[in-house]
Amino acid sequence: MSTNENENTGERYIITATGTNALGNRWDHRVSEHGAHGYHYSNQNGSSYYYNFDGSRYYNDGRGYSRLTSPEGKVTETYGK
């Protein structure tokens, strides 16, 4: 397995599993250098979703809208490209 690096945090991780669901969306499971687990989904409609190592969640619709939800549930939305 190769080691990757999170471009936002610099934290290193490995991808332990990948797949495609019934809708044709790709996903991968990631484990950080500290043992935390996360997921990434790359969807056919151009959107992407991350469940991050710290428990936060990030969604990007691929058209200029994104939403970051902190581990505590605070939501930050961004509109426009």
PDB file of N, CA and C in Angstrom:
ATOM      1  N   MET A   1       0.836  -1.186   0.000  1.00  0.00           N
ATOM      2  CA  MET A   1       0.000   0.000   0.000  1.00  0.00           C
ATOM      3  C   MET A   1       0.881   1.250   0.000  1.00  0.00           C
ATOM      4  N   SER A   2       0.470   2.223  -0.768  1.00  0.00           N
ATOM      5  CA  SER A   2       1.244   3.448  -0.814  1.00  0.00           C
ATOM      6  C   SER A   2       0.713   4.438   0.221  1.00  0.00           C
ATOM      7  N   THR A   3       1.604   5.317   0.655  1.00  0.00           N
ATOM      8  CA  THR A   3       1.228   6.356   1.611  1.00  0.00           C
ATOM      9  C   THR A   3       0.863   7.619   0.839  1.00  0.00           C
ATOM     10  N   ASN A   4      -0.223   8.246   1.234  1.00  0.00           N
ATOM     11  CA  ASN A   4      -0.684   9.493   0.637  1.00  0.00           C
ATOM     12  C   ASN A   4      -0.606  10.587   1.682  1.00  0.00           C
ATOM     13  N   GLU A   5      -0.774  11.828   1.250  1.00  0.00           N
ATOM     14  CA  GLU A   5      -0.740  12.960   2.178  1.00  0.00           C
ATOM     15  C   GLU A   5      -1.941  13.849   1.953  1.00  0.00           C
ATOM     16  N   ASN A   6      -2.632  14.192   3.038  1.00  0.00           N
ATOM     17  CA  ASN A   6      -3.766  15.102   2.967  1.00  0.00           C
ATOM     18  C   ASN A   6      -3.249  16.482   2.572  1.00  0.00           C
ATOM     19  N   GLU A   7      -3.779  17.026   1.474  1.00  0.00           N
ATOM     20  CA  GLU A   7      -3.264  18.310   0.976  1.00  0.00           C
ATOM     21  C   GLU A   7      -3.623  19.482   1.875  1.00  0.00           C
ATOM     22  N   ASN A   8      -4.632  19.328   2.739  1.00  0.00           N
ATOM     23  CA  ASN A   8      -5.017  20.413   3.637  1.00  0.00           C
ATOM     24  C   ASN A   8      -4.263  20.374   4.963  1.00  0.00           C
ATOM     25  N   THR A   9      -4.064  19.181   5.508  1.00  0.00           N
ATOM     26  CA  THR A   9      -3.461  19.069   6.840  1.00  0.00           C
ATOM     27  C   THR A   9      -2.038  18.548   6.823  1.00  0.00           C
ATOM     28  N   GLY A  10      -1.627  17.923   5.731  1.00  0.00           N
ATOM     29  CA  GLY A  10      -0.300  17.323   5.663  1.00  0.00           C
ATOM     30  C   GLY A  10      -0.227  15.965   6.334  1.00  0.00           C
ATOM     31  N   GLU A  11      -1.332  15.524   6.921  1.00  0.00           N
ATOM     32  CA  GLU A  11      -1.344  14.226   7.600  1.00  0.00           C
ATOM     33  C   GLU A  11      -1.248  13.099   6.571  1.00  0.00           C
ATOM     34  N   ARG A  12      -0.437  12.116   6.877  1.00  0.00           N
ATOM     35  CA  ARG A  12      -0.246  10.995   5.973  1.00  0.00           C
ATOM     36  C   ARG A  12      -1.275   9.911   6.266  1.00  0.00           C
ATOM     37  N   TYR A  13      -1.657   9.177   5.203  1.00  0.00           N
ATOM     38  CA  TYR A  13      -2.644   8.116   5.353  1.00  0.00           C
ATOM     39  C   TYR A  13      -2.433   7.052   4.281  1.00  0.00           C
ATOM     40  N   ILE A  14      -3.018   5.895   4.530  1.00  0.00           N
ATOM     41  CA  ILE A  14      -3.041   4.848   3.519  1.00  0.00           C
ATOM     42  C   ILE A  14      -4.495   4.548   3.164  1.00  0.00           C
ATOM     43  N   ILE A  15      -4.704   4.131   1.934  1.00  0.00           N
ATOM     44  CA  ILE A  15      -6.028   3.697   1.493  1.00  0.00           C
ATOM     45  C   ILE A  15      -6.068   2.189   1.651  1.00  0.00           C
ATOM     46  N   THR A  16      -7.008   1.716   2.472  1.00  0.00           N
ATOM     47  CA  THR A  16      -7.054   0.291   2.789  1.00  0.00           C
ATOM     48  C   THR A  16      -8.083  -0.470   1.965  1.00  0.00           C
ATOM     49  N   ALA A  17      -9.047   0.232   1.369  1.00  0.00           N
ATOM     50  CA  ALA A  17     -10.067  -0.432   0.552  1.00  0.00           C
ATOM     51  C   ALA A  17     -10.661   0.576  -0.412  1.00  0.00           C
ATOM     52  N   THR A  18     -11.063   0.100  -1.565  1.00  0.00           N
ATOM     53  CA  THR A  18     -11.728   0.939  -2.557  1.00  0.00           C
ATOM     54  C   THR A  18     -12.873   0.150  -3.165  1.00  0.00           C
ATOM     55  N   GLY A  19     -13.806   0.848  -3.760  1.00  0.00           N
ATOM     56  CA  GLY A  19     -14.899   0.148  -4.415  1.00  0.00           C
ATOM     57  C   GLY A  19     -15.795   1.089  -5.176  1.00  0.00           C
ATOM     58  N   THR A  20     -16.809   0.511  -5.781  1.00  0.00           N
ATOM     59  CA  THR A  20     -17.830   1.251  -6.508  1.00  0.00           C
ATOM     60  C   THR A  20     -19.179   0.716  -6.053  1.00  0.00           C
ATOM     61  N   ASN A  21     -20.079   1.616  -5.665  1.00  0.00           N
ATOM     62  CA  ASN A  21     -21.377   1.150  -5.187  1.00  0.00           C
ATOM     63  C   ASN A  21     -22.333   0.923  -6.356  1.00  0.00           C
ATOM     64  N   ALA A  22     -23.561   0.525  -6.046  1.00  0.00           N
ATOM     65  CA  ALA A  22     -24.540   0.174  -7.074  1.00  0.00           C
ATOM     66  C   ALA A  22     -24.900   1.357  -7.979  1.00  0.00           C
ATOM     67  N   LEU A  23     -24.691   2.583  -7.492  1.00  0.00           N
ATOM     68  CA  LEU A  23     -24.979   3.776  -8.294  1.00  0.00           C
ATOM     69  C   LEU A  23     -23.805   4.198  -9.166  1.00  0.00           C
ATOM     70  N   GLY A  24     -22.691   3.477  -9.059  1.00  0.00           N
ATOM     71  CA  GLY A  24     -21.506   3.808  -9.839  1.00  0.00           C
ATOM     72  C   GLY A  24     -20.606   4.825  -9.188  1.00  0.00           C
ATOM     73  N   ASN A  25     -20.874   5.153  -7.922  1.00  0.00           N
ATOM     74  CA  ASN A  25     -20.046   6.102  -7.193  1.00  0.00           C
ATOM     75  C   ASN A  25     -18.847   5.388  -6.580  1.00  0.00           C
ATOM     76  N   ARG A  26     -17.679   5.984  -6.700  1.00  0.00           N
ATOM     77  CA  ARG A  26     -16.459   5.390  -6.157  1.00  0.00           C
ATOM     78  C   ARG A  26     -16.241   5.830  -4.720  1.00  0.00           C
ATOM     79  N   TRP A  27     -15.652   4.953  -3.926  1.00  0.00           N
ATOM     80  CA  TRP A  27     -15.368   5.270  -2.534  1.00  0.00           C
ATOM     81  C   TRP A  27     -14.016   4.678  -2.154  1.00  0.00           C
ATOM     82  N   ASP A  28     -13.429   5.222  -1.092  1.00  0.00           N
ATOM     83  CA  ASP A  28     -12.258   4.585  -0.502  1.00  0.00           C
ATOM     84  C   ASP A  28     -12.254   4.793   1.010  1.00  0.00           C
ATOM     85  N   HIS A  29     -11.639   3.856   1.678  1.00  0.00           N
ATOM     86  CA  HIS A  29     -11.478   3.897   3.135  1.00  0.00           C
ATOM     87  C   HIS A  29     -10.024   4.242   3.406  1.00  0.00           C
ATOM     88  N   ARG A  30      -9.803   5.181   4.338  1.00  0.00           N
ATOM     89  CA  ARG A  30      -8.456   5.679   4.623  1.00  0.00           C
ATOM     90  C   ARG A  30      -8.152   5.520   6.110  1.00  0.00           C
ATOM     91  N   VAL A  31      -6.905   5.235   6.412  1.00  0.00           N
ATOM     92  CA  VAL A  31      -6.452   5.176   7.802  1.00  0.00           C
ATOM     93  C   VAL A  31      -5.264   6.124   7.932  1.00  0.00           C
ATOM     94  N   SER A  32      -5.359   7.054   8.895  1.00  0.00           N
ATOM     95  CA  SER A  32      -4.315   8.059   9.072  1.00  0.00           C
ATOM     96  C   SER A  32      -3.105   7.451   9.768  1.00  0.00           C
ATOM     97  N   GLU A  33      -2.022   8.200   9.754  1.00  0.00           N
ATOM     98  CA  GLU A  33      -0.805   7.764  10.428  1.00  0.00           C
ATOM     99  C   GLU A  33      -1.003   7.613  11.933  1.00  0.00           C
ATOM    100  N   HIS A  34      -2.098   8.182  12.461  1.00  0.00           N
ATOM    101  CA  HIS A  34      -2.402   8.088  13.884  1.00  0.00           C
ATOM    102  C   HIS A  34      -3.485   7.054  14.179  1.00  0.00           C
ATOM    103  N   GLY A  35      -3.939   6.326  13.150  1.00  0.00           N
ATOM    104  CA  GLY A  35      -4.908   5.259  13.340  1.00  0.00           C
ATOM    105  C   GLY A  35      -6.360   5.665  13.197  1.00  0.00           C
ATOM    106  N   ALA A  36      -6.632   6.931  12.852  1.00  0.00           N
ATOM    107  CA  ALA A  36      -8.015   7.376  12.657  1.00  0.00           C
ATOM    108  C   ALA A  36      -8.519   6.903  11.293  1.00  0.00           C
ATOM    109  N   HIS A  37      -9.822   6.704  11.192  1.00  0.00           N
ATOM    110  CA  HIS A  37     -10.432   6.213   9.964  1.00  0.00           C
ATOM    111  C   HIS A  37     -11.206   7.318   9.272  1.00  0.00           C
ATOM    112  N   GLY A  38     -11.238   7.273   7.947  1.00  0.00           N
ATOM    113  CA  GLY A  38     -11.992   8.228   7.163  1.00  0.00           C
ATOM    114  C   GLY A  38     -12.435   7.602   5.856  1.00  0.00           C
ATOM    115  N   TYR A  39     -13.323   8.305   5.147  1.00  0.00           N
ATOM    116  CA  TYR A  39     -13.846   7.836   3.865  1.00  0.00           C
ATOM    117  C   TYR A  39     -13.862   8.978   2.870  1.00  0.00           C
ATOM    118  N   HIS A  40     -13.791   8.609   1.606  1.00  0.00           N
ATOM    119  CA  HIS A  40     -13.954   9.576   0.526  1.00  0.00           C
ATOM    120  C   HIS A  40     -14.866   8.959  -0.517  1.00  0.00           C
ATOM    121  N   TYR A  41     -15.844   9.721  -0.976  1.00  0.00           N
ATOM    122  CA  TYR A  41     -16.746   9.293  -2.039  1.00  0.00           C
ATOM    123  C   TYR A  41     -16.603  10.255  -3.206  1.00  0.00           C
ATOM    124  N   SER A  42     -16.472   9.716  -4.396  1.00  0.00           N
ATOM    125  CA  SER A  42     -16.424  10.508  -5.621  1.00  0.00           C
ATOM    126  C   SER A  42     -17.612  10.069  -6.469  1.00  0.00           C
ATOM    127  N   ASN A  43     -18.582  10.950  -6.615  1.00  0.00           N
ATOM    128  CA  ASN A  43     -19.863  10.569  -7.193  1.00  0.00           C
ATOM    129  C   ASN A  43     -19.965  10.870  -8.683  1.00  0.00           C
ATOM    130  N   GLN A  44     -20.798  10.106  -9.364  1.00  0.00           N
ATOM    131  CA  GLN A  44     -20.975  10.239 -10.810  1.00  0.00           C
ATOM    132  C   GLN A  44     -21.463  11.625 -11.218  1.00  0.00           C
ATOM    133  N   ASN A  45     -22.178  12.299 -10.338  1.00  0.00           N
ATOM    134  CA  ASN A  45     -22.711  13.625 -10.671  1.00  0.00           C
ATOM    135  C   ASN A  45     -21.690  14.746 -10.471  1.00  0.00           C
ATOM    136  N   GLY A  46     -20.435  14.391 -10.146  1.00  0.00           N
ATOM    137  CA  GLY A  46     -19.381  15.392  -9.976  1.00  0.00           C
ATOM    138  C   GLY A  46     -19.185  15.847  -8.546  1.00  0.00           C
ATOM    139  N   SER A  47     -20.042  15.400  -7.640  1.00  0.00           N
ATOM    140  CA  SER A  47     -19.900  15.790  -6.241  1.00  0.00           C
ATOM    141  C   SER A  47     -18.926  14.861  -5.524  1.00  0.00           C
ATOM    142  N   SER A  48     -18.456  15.305  -4.372  1.00  0.00           N
ATOM    143  CA  SER A  48     -17.575  14.481  -3.549  1.00  0.00           C
ATOM    144  C   SER A  48     -17.905  14.692  -2.082  1.00  0.00           C
ATOM    145  N   TYR A  49     -17.594  13.681  -1.300  1.00  0.00           N
ATOM    146  CA  TYR A  49     -17.904  13.696   0.120  1.00  0.00           C
ATOM    147  C   TYR A  49     -16.725  13.093   0.871  1.00  0.00           C
ATOM    148  N   TYR A  50     -16.344  13.755   1.956  1.00  0.00           N
ATOM    149  CA  TYR A  50     -15.270  13.256   2.806  1.00  0.00           C
ATOM    150  C   TYR A  50     -15.774  13.116   4.238  1.00  0.00           C
ATOM    151  N   TYR A  51     -15.510  11.988   4.841  1.00  0.00           N
ATOM    152  CA  TYR A  51     -15.650  11.839   6.284  1.00  0.00           C
ATOM    153  C   TYR A  51     -14.220  11.849   6.802  1.00  0.00           C
ATOM    154  N   ASN A  52     -13.837  12.920   7.464  1.00  0.00           N
ATOM    155  CA  ASN A  52     -12.443  13.160   7.812  1.00  0.00           C
ATOM    156  C   ASN A  52     -12.020  12.470   9.099  1.00  0.00           C
ATOM    157  N   PHE A  53     -10.720  12.369   9.284  1.00  0.00           N
ATOM    158  CA  PHE A  53     -10.145  11.676  10.439  1.00  0.00           C
ATOM    159  C   PHE A  53     -10.571  12.291  11.766  1.00  0.00           C
ATOM    160  N   ASP A  54     -10.834  13.587  11.780  1.00  0.00           N
ATOM    161  CA  ASP A  54     -11.201  14.262  13.031  1.00  0.00           C
ATOM    162  C   ASP A  54     -12.707  14.208  13.312  1.00  0.00           C
ATOM    163  N   GLY A  55     -13.465  13.531  12.441  1.00  0.00           N
ATOM    164  CA  GLY A  55     -14.904  13.435  12.622  1.00  0.00           C
ATOM    165  C   GLY A  55     -15.696  14.490  11.873  1.00  0.00           C
ATOM    166  N   SER A  56     -15.011  15.439  11.255  1.00  0.00           N
ATOM    167  CA  SER A  56     -15.711  16.434  10.445  1.00  0.00           C
ATOM    168  C   SER A  56     -16.124  15.804   9.112  1.00  0.00           C
ATOM    169  N   ARG A  57     -17.067  16.450   8.448  1.00  0.00           N
ATOM    170  CA  ARG A  57     -17.551  15.969   7.159  1.00  0.00           C
ATOM    171  C   ARG A  57     -17.512  17.126   6.162  1.00  0.00           C
ATOM    172  N   TYR A  58     -17.128  16.814   4.933  1.00  0.00           N
ATOM    173  CA  TYR A  58     -17.038  17.841   3.899  1.00  0.00           C
ATOM    174  C   TYR A  58     -17.756  17.345   2.656  1.00  0.00           C
ATOM    175  N   TYR A  59     -18.619  18.191   2.101  1.00  0.00           N
ATOM    176  CA  TYR A  59     -19.343  17.880   0.872  1.00  0.00           C
ATOM    177  C   TYR A  59     -19.101  18.990  -0.138  1.00  0.00           C
ATOM    178  N   ASN A  60     -18.866  18.620  -1.389  1.00  0.00           N
ATOM    179  CA  ASN A  60     -18.717  19.578  -2.473  1.00  0.00           C
ATOM    180  C   ASN A  60     -19.570  19.076  -3.629  1.00  0.00           C
ATOM    181  N   ASP A  61     -20.456  19.930  -4.128  1.00  0.00           N
ATOM    182  CA  ASP A  61     -21.358  19.469  -5.184  1.00  0.00           C
ATOM    183  C   ASP A  61     -20.733  19.518  -6.576  1.00  0.00           C
ATOM    184  N   GLY A  62     -19.509  20.004  -6.698  1.00  0.00           N
ATOM    185  CA  GLY A  62     -18.837  20.067  -7.983  1.00  0.00           C
ATOM    186  C   GLY A  62     -19.273  21.235  -8.849  1.00  0.00           C
ATOM    187  N   ARG A  63     -20.182  22.066  -8.312  1.00  0.00           N
ATOM    188  CA  ARG A  63     -20.702  23.201  -9.074  1.00  0.00           C
ATOM    189  C   ARG A  63     -20.571  24.511  -8.310  1.00  0.00           C
ATOM    190  N   GLY A  64     -19.767  24.516  -7.248  1.00  0.00           N
ATOM    191  CA  GLY A  64     -19.536  25.763  -6.532  1.00  0.00           C
ATOM    192  C   GLY A  64     -20.067  25.826  -5.117  1.00  0.00           C
ATOM    193  N   TYR A  65     -20.817  24.819  -4.702  1.00  0.00           N
ATOM    194  CA  TYR A  65     -21.344  24.796  -3.335  1.00  0.00           C
ATOM    195  C   TYR A  65     -20.564  23.771  -2.515  1.00  0.00           C
ATOM    196  N   SER A  66     -20.194  24.150  -1.302  1.00  0.00           N
ATOM    197  CA  SER A  66     -19.569  23.188  -0.397  1.00  0.00           C
ATOM    198  C   SER A  66     -20.097  23.398   1.015  1.00  0.00           C
ATOM    199  N   ARG A  67     -20.022  22.339   1.794  1.00  0.00           N
ATOM    200  CA  ARG A  67     -20.501  22.374   3.176  1.00  0.00           C
ATOM    201  C   ARG A  67     -19.516  21.604   4.049  1.00  0.00           C
ATOM    202  N   LEU A  68     -19.045  22.253   5.086  1.00  0.00           N
ATOM    203  CA  LEU A  68     -18.159  21.622   6.064  1.00  0.00           C
ATOM    204  C   LEU A  68     -18.914  21.539   7.383  1.00  0.00           C
ATOM    205  N   THR A  69     -18.999  20.341   7.941  1.00  0.00           N
ATOM    206  CA  THR A  69     -19.647  20.127   9.229  1.00  0.00           C
ATOM    207  C   THR A  69     -18.583  19.697  10.223  1.00  0.00           C
ATOM    208  N   SER A  70     -18.413  20.475  11.274  1.00  0.00           N
ATOM    209  CA  SER A  70     -17.393  20.182  12.281  1.00  0.00           C
ATOM    210  C   SER A  70     -17.814  18.958  13.097  1.00  0.00           C
ATOM    211  N   PRO A  71     -16.883  18.377  13.862  1.00  0.00           N
ATOM    212  CA  PRO A  71     -17.254  17.249  14.731  1.00  0.00           C
ATOM    213  C   PRO A  71     -18.345  17.624  15.733  1.00  0.00           C
ATOM    214  N   GLU A  72     -18.433  18.903  16.075  1.00  0.00           N
ATOM    215  CA  GLU A  72     -19.445  19.378  17.027  1.00  0.00           C
ATOM    216  C   GLU A  72     -20.785  19.684  16.343  1.00  0.00           C
ATOM    217  N   GLY A  73     -20.824  19.623  15.016  1.00  0.00           N
ATOM    218  CA  GLY A  73     -22.060  19.868  14.291  1.00  0.00           C
ATOM    219  C   GLY A  73     -22.210  21.261  13.699  1.00  0.00           C
ATOM    220  N   LYS A  74     -21.214  22.123  13.859  1.00  0.00           N
ATOM    221  CA  LYS A  74     -21.282  23.464  13.255  1.00  0.00           C
ATOM    222  C   LYS A  74     -21.111  23.346  11.753  1.00  0.00           C
ATOM    223  N   VAL A  75     -22.011  24.002  11.023  1.00  0.00           N
ATOM    224  CA  VAL A  75     -22.004  23.911   9.564  1.00  0.00           C
ATOM    225  C   VAL A  75     -21.511  25.219   8.960  1.00  0.00           C
ATOM    226  N   THR A  76     -20.569  25.115   8.032  1.00  0.00           N
ATOM    227  CA  THR A  76     -20.082  26.274   7.267  1.00  0.00           C
ATOM    228  C   THR A  76     -20.339  25.975   5.796  1.00  0.00           C
ATOM    229  N   GLU A  77     -21.107  26.848   5.145  1.00  0.00           N
ATOM    230  CA  GLU A  77     -21.429  26.650   3.739  1.00  0.00           C
ATOM    231  C   GLU A  77     -20.754  27.739   2.897  1.00  0.00           C
ATOM    232  N   THR A  78     -20.353  27.348   1.699  1.00  0.00           N
ATOM    233  CA  THR A  78     -19.722  28.268   0.757  1.00  0.00           C
ATOM    234  C   THR A  78     -20.443  28.135  -0.578  1.00  0.00           C
ATOM    235  N   TYR A  79     -20.774  29.275  -1.184  1.00  0.00           N
ATOM    236  CA  TYR A  79     -21.456  29.301  -2.466  1.00  0.00           C
ATOM    237  C   TYR A  79     -20.564  29.998  -3.481  1.00  0.00           C
ATOM    238  N   GLY A  80     -20.576  29.522  -4.694  1.00  0.00           N
ATOM    239  CA  GLY A  80     -19.780  30.133  -5.751  1.00  0.00           C
ATOM    240  C   GLY A  80     -18.462  29.431  -5.908  1.00  0.00           C
ATOM    241  N   LYS A  81     -17.841  29.647  -7.055  1.00  0.00           N
ATOM    242  CA  LYS A  81     -16.591  28.954  -7.365  1.00  0.00           C
ATOM    243  C   LYS A  81     -15.400  29.732  -6.912  1.00  0.00           C
TER     244      LYS A  81
END
